[in-house]
PDB file of N, CA and C in Angstrom:
ATOM      1  N   MET A   1       0.837  -1.180   0.000  1.00  0.00           N
ATOM      2  CA  MET A   1       0.000   0.000   0.000  1.00  0.00           C
ATOM      3  C   MET A   1       0.892   1.257   0.000  1.00  0.00           C
ATOM      4  N   LEU A   2       1.948   1.215   0.769  1.00  0.00           N
ATOM      5  CA  LEU A   2       2.851   2.370   0.816  1.00  0.00           C
ATOM      6  C   LEU A   2       3.457   2.650  -0.564  1.00  0.00           C
ATOM      7  N   ALA A   3       3.898   1.598  -1.236  1.00  0.00           N
ATOM      8  CA  ALA A   3       4.504   1.778  -2.563  1.00  0.00           C
ATOM      9  C   ALA A   3       3.485   2.330  -3.556  1.00  0.00           C
ATOM     10  N   TRP A   4       2.244   1.824  -3.490  1.00  0.00           N
ATOM     11  CA  TRP A   4       1.213   2.291  -4.423  1.00  0.00           C
ATOM     12  C   TRP A   4       0.917   3.776  -4.205  1.00  0.00           C
ATOM     13  N   THR A   5       0.743   4.194  -2.964  1.00  0.00           N
ATOM     14  CA  THR A   5       0.431   5.599  -2.705  1.00  0.00           C
ATOM     15  C   THR A   5       1.597   6.503  -3.071  1.00  0.00           C
ATOM     16  N   GLN A   6       2.822   6.043  -2.819  1.00  0.00           N
ATOM     17  CA  GLN A   6       4.003   6.826  -3.197  1.00  0.00           C
ATOM     18  C   GLN A   6       4.063   6.991  -4.709  1.00  0.00           C
ATOM     19  N   LEU A   7       3.883   5.901  -5.426  1.00  0.00           N
ATOM     20  CA  LEU A   7       3.937   5.950  -6.882  1.00  0.00           C
ATOM     21  C   LEU A   7       2.797   6.779  -7.461  1.00  0.00           C
ATOM     22  N   PHE A   8       1.587   6.565  -6.970  1.00  0.00           N
ATOM     23  CA  PHE A   8       0.422   7.310  -7.446  1.00  0.00           C
ATOM     24  C   PHE A   8       0.615   8.810  -7.219  1.00  0.00           C
ATOM     25  N   GLY A   9       1.090   9.183  -6.054  1.00  0.00           N
ATOM     26  CA  GLY A   9       1.316  10.594  -5.743  1.00  0.00           C
ATOM     27  C   GLY A   9       2.398  11.209  -6.613  1.00  0.00           C
ATOM     28  N   ALA A  10       3.511  10.491  -6.788  1.00  0.00           N
ATOM     29  CA  ALA A  10       4.609  11.018  -7.596  1.00  0.00           C
ATOM     30  C   ALA A  10       4.189  11.205  -9.052  1.00  0.00           C
ATOM     31  N   VAL A  11       3.492  10.217  -9.584  1.00  0.00           N
ATOM     32  CA  VAL A  11       3.044  10.322 -10.983  1.00  0.00           C
ATOM     33  C   VAL A  11       2.011  11.443 -11.127  1.00  0.00           C
ATOM     34  N   SER A  12       1.082  11.547 -10.188  1.00  0.00           N
ATOM     35  CA  SER A  12       0.074  12.614 -10.254  1.00  0.00           C
ATOM     36  C   SER A  12       0.723  13.988 -10.187  1.00  0.00           C
ATOM     37  N   PHE A  13       1.674  14.158  -9.282  1.00  0.00           N
ATOM     38  CA  PHE A  13       2.367  15.442  -9.186  1.00  0.00           C
ATOM     39  C   PHE A  13       3.101  15.758 -10.478  1.00  0.00           C
ATOM     40  N   GLU A  14       3.748  14.747 -11.066  1.00  0.00           N
ATOM     41  CA  GLU A  14       4.492  14.967 -12.312  1.00  0.00           C
ATOM     42  C   GLU A  14       3.543  15.315 -13.456  1.00  0.00           C
ATOM     43  N   VAL A  15       2.473  14.567 -13.604  1.00  0.00           N
ATOM     44  CA  VAL A  15       1.535  14.772 -14.706  1.00  0.00           C
ATOM     45  C   VAL A  15       0.855  16.142 -14.629  1.00  0.00           C
ATOM     46  N   PHE A  16       0.476  16.552 -13.431  1.00  0.00           N
ATOM     47  CA  PHE A  16      -0.264  17.800 -13.283  1.00  0.00           C
ATOM     48  C   PHE A  16       0.624  18.999 -12.948  1.00  0.00           C
ATOM     49  N   GLY A  17       1.951  18.832 -13.064  1.00  0.00           N
ATOM     50  CA  GLY A  17       2.880  19.950 -12.955  1.00  0.00           C
ATOM     51  C   GLY A  17       3.089  20.502 -11.560  1.00  0.00           C
ATOM     52  N   GLN A  18       2.828  19.710 -10.544  1.00  0.00           N
ATOM     53  CA  GLN A  18       2.995  20.204  -9.177  1.00  0.00           C
ATOM     54  C   GLN A  18       4.462  20.366  -8.786  1.00  0.00           C
ATOM     55  N   PHE A  19       5.356  19.640  -9.439  1.00  0.00           N
ATOM     56  CA  PHE A  19       6.778  19.771  -9.148  1.00  0.00           C
ATOM     57  C   PHE A  19       7.390  20.983  -9.851  1.00  0.00           C
ATOM     58  N   ALA A  20       6.778  21.459 -10.905  1.00  0.00           N
ATOM     59  CA  ALA A  20       7.326  22.555 -11.702  1.00  0.00           C
ATOM     60  C   ALA A  20       7.399  23.843 -10.884  1.00  0.00           C
ATOM     61  N   ASN A  21       8.520  24.499 -10.971  1.00  0.00           N
ATOM     62  CA  ASN A  21       8.779  25.788 -10.320  1.00  0.00           C
ATOM     63  C   ASN A  21       8.676  25.726  -8.787  1.00  0.00           C
ATOM     64  N   THR A  22       8.739  24.544  -8.219  1.00  0.00           N
ATOM     65  CA  THR A  22       8.737  24.434  -6.758  1.00  0.00           C
ATOM     66  C   THR A  22       9.991  23.745  -6.262  1.00  0.00           C
ATOM     67  N   LEU A  23      10.345  22.675  -6.906  1.00  0.00           N
ATOM     68  CA  LEU A  23      11.532  21.917  -6.527  1.00  0.00           C
ATOM     69  C   LEU A  23      12.399  21.754  -7.759  1.00  0.00           C
ATOM     70  N   GLU A  24      13.600  22.254  -7.684  1.00  0.00           N
ATOM     71  CA  GLU A  24      14.489  22.160  -8.836  1.00  0.00           C
ATOM     72  C   GLU A  24      15.722  21.367  -8.459  1.00  0.00           C
ATOM     73  N   PRO A  25      16.151  20.479  -9.267  1.00  0.00           N
ATOM     74  CA  PRO A  25      15.576  20.028 -10.520  1.00  0.00           C
ATOM     75  C   PRO A  25      14.477  18.996 -10.271  1.00  0.00           C
ATOM     76  N   ALA A  26      13.306  19.245 -10.761  1.00  0.00           N
ATOM     77  CA  ALA A  26      12.141  18.388 -10.532  1.00  0.00           C
ATOM     78  C   ALA A  26      12.325  17.000 -11.141  1.00  0.00           C
ATOM     79  N   ASP A  27      12.977  16.903 -12.280  1.00  0.00           N
ATOM     80  CA  ASP A  27      13.176  15.595 -12.911  1.00  0.00           C
ATOM     81  C   ASP A  27      14.003  14.674 -12.026  1.00  0.00           C
ATOM     82  N   GLU A  28      15.033  15.217 -11.388  1.00  0.00           N
ATOM     83  CA  GLU A  28      15.876  14.411 -10.516  1.00  0.00           C
ATOM     84  C   GLU A  28      15.109  13.965  -9.272  1.00  0.00           C
ATOM     85  N   LEU A  29      14.258  14.815  -8.739  1.00  0.00           N
ATOM     86  CA  LEU A  29      13.438  14.437  -7.592  1.00  0.00           C
ATOM     87  C   LEU A  29      12.487  13.315  -7.973  1.00  0.00           C
ATOM     88  N   PHE A  30      11.848  13.411  -9.127  1.00  0.00           N
ATOM     89  CA  PHE A  30      10.921  12.373  -9.584  1.00  0.00           C
ATOM     90  C   PHE A  30      11.658  11.043  -9.733  1.00  0.00           C
ATOM     91  N   GLU A  31      12.838  11.056 -10.344  1.00  0.00           N
ATOM     92  CA  GLU A  31      13.632   9.830 -10.484  1.00  0.00           C
ATOM     93  C   GLU A  31      14.015   9.264  -9.127  1.00  0.00           C
ATOM     94  N   TYR A  32      14.396  10.137  -8.197  1.00  0.00           N
ATOM     95  CA  TYR A  32      14.752   9.685  -6.857  1.00  0.00           C
ATOM     96  C   TYR A  32      13.569   8.999  -6.181  1.00  0.00           C
ATOM     97  N   LEU A  33      12.381   9.594  -6.281  1.00  0.00           N
ATOM     98  CA  LEU A  33      11.197   8.995  -5.666  1.00  0.00           C
ATOM     99  C   LEU A  33      10.894   7.620  -6.258  1.00  0.00           C
ATOM    100  N   LEU A  34      11.009   7.492  -7.578  1.00  0.00           N
ATOM    101  CA  LEU A  34      10.773   6.198  -8.207  1.00  0.00           C
ATOM    102  C   LEU A  34      11.826   5.179  -7.801  1.00  0.00           C
ATOM    103  N   ASP A  35      13.089   5.599  -7.747  1.00  0.00           N
ATOM    104  CA  ASP A  35      14.158   4.688  -7.322  1.00  0.00           C
ATOM    105  C   ASP A  35      13.975   4.249  -5.873  1.00  0.00           C
ATOM    106  N   ALA A  36      13.599   5.167  -5.002  1.00  0.00           N
ATOM    107  CA  ALA A  36      13.400   4.833  -3.586  1.00  0.00           C
ATOM    108  C   ALA A  36      12.251   3.848  -3.420  1.00  0.00           C
ATOM    109  N   THR A  37      11.183   4.034  -4.182  1.00  0.00           N
ATOM    110  CA  THR A  37      10.059   3.117  -4.124  1.00  0.00           C
ATOM    111  C   THR A  37      10.454   1.737  -4.639  1.00  0.00           C
ATOM    112  N   ALA A  38      11.201   1.689  -5.733  1.00  0.00           N
ATOM    113  CA  ALA A  38      11.679   0.413  -6.276  1.00  0.00           C
ATOM    114  C   ALA A  38      12.583  -0.296  -5.266  1.00  0.00           C
ATOM    115  N   ASP A  39      13.443   0.441  -4.597  1.00  0.00           N
ATOM    116  CA  ASP A  39      14.313  -0.144  -3.576  1.00  0.00           C
ATOM    117  C   ASP A  39      13.500  -0.757  -2.434  1.00  0.00           C
ATOM    118  N   ARG A  40      12.460  -0.056  -2.006  1.00  0.00           N
ATOM    119  CA  ARG A  40      11.612  -0.583  -0.933  1.00  0.00           C
ATOM    120  C   ARG A  40      10.927  -1.883  -1.339  1.00  0.00           C
ATOM    121  N   LEU A  41      10.628  -1.999  -2.630  1.00  0.00           N
ATOM    122  CA  LEU A  41       9.975  -3.210  -3.134  1.00  0.00           C
ATOM    123  C   LEU A  41      10.975  -4.314  -3.464  1.00  0.00           C
ATOM    124  N   GLY A  42      12.260  -3.992  -3.389  1.00  0.00           N
ATOM    125  CA  GLY A  42      13.285  -4.969  -3.710  1.00  0.00           C
ATOM    126  C   GLY A  42      13.511  -5.165  -5.194  1.00  0.00           C
ATOM    127  N   LEU A  43      13.180  -4.137  -5.970  1.00  0.00           N
ATOM    128  CA  LEU A  43      13.361  -4.224  -7.428  1.00  0.00           C
ATOM    129  C   LEU A  43      14.687  -3.650  -7.857  1.00  0.00           C
TER     130      LEU A  43
END
């Protein structure tokens, strides 16, 4: 459940531009969030 909510939130923020002009570089943050979630799942 934790991985799903993390992934859903990160993708929603990316798609709807919530990371833009708030956290720079936003692309690196998005990649970090996906990598951290994959690590938690053992992928």
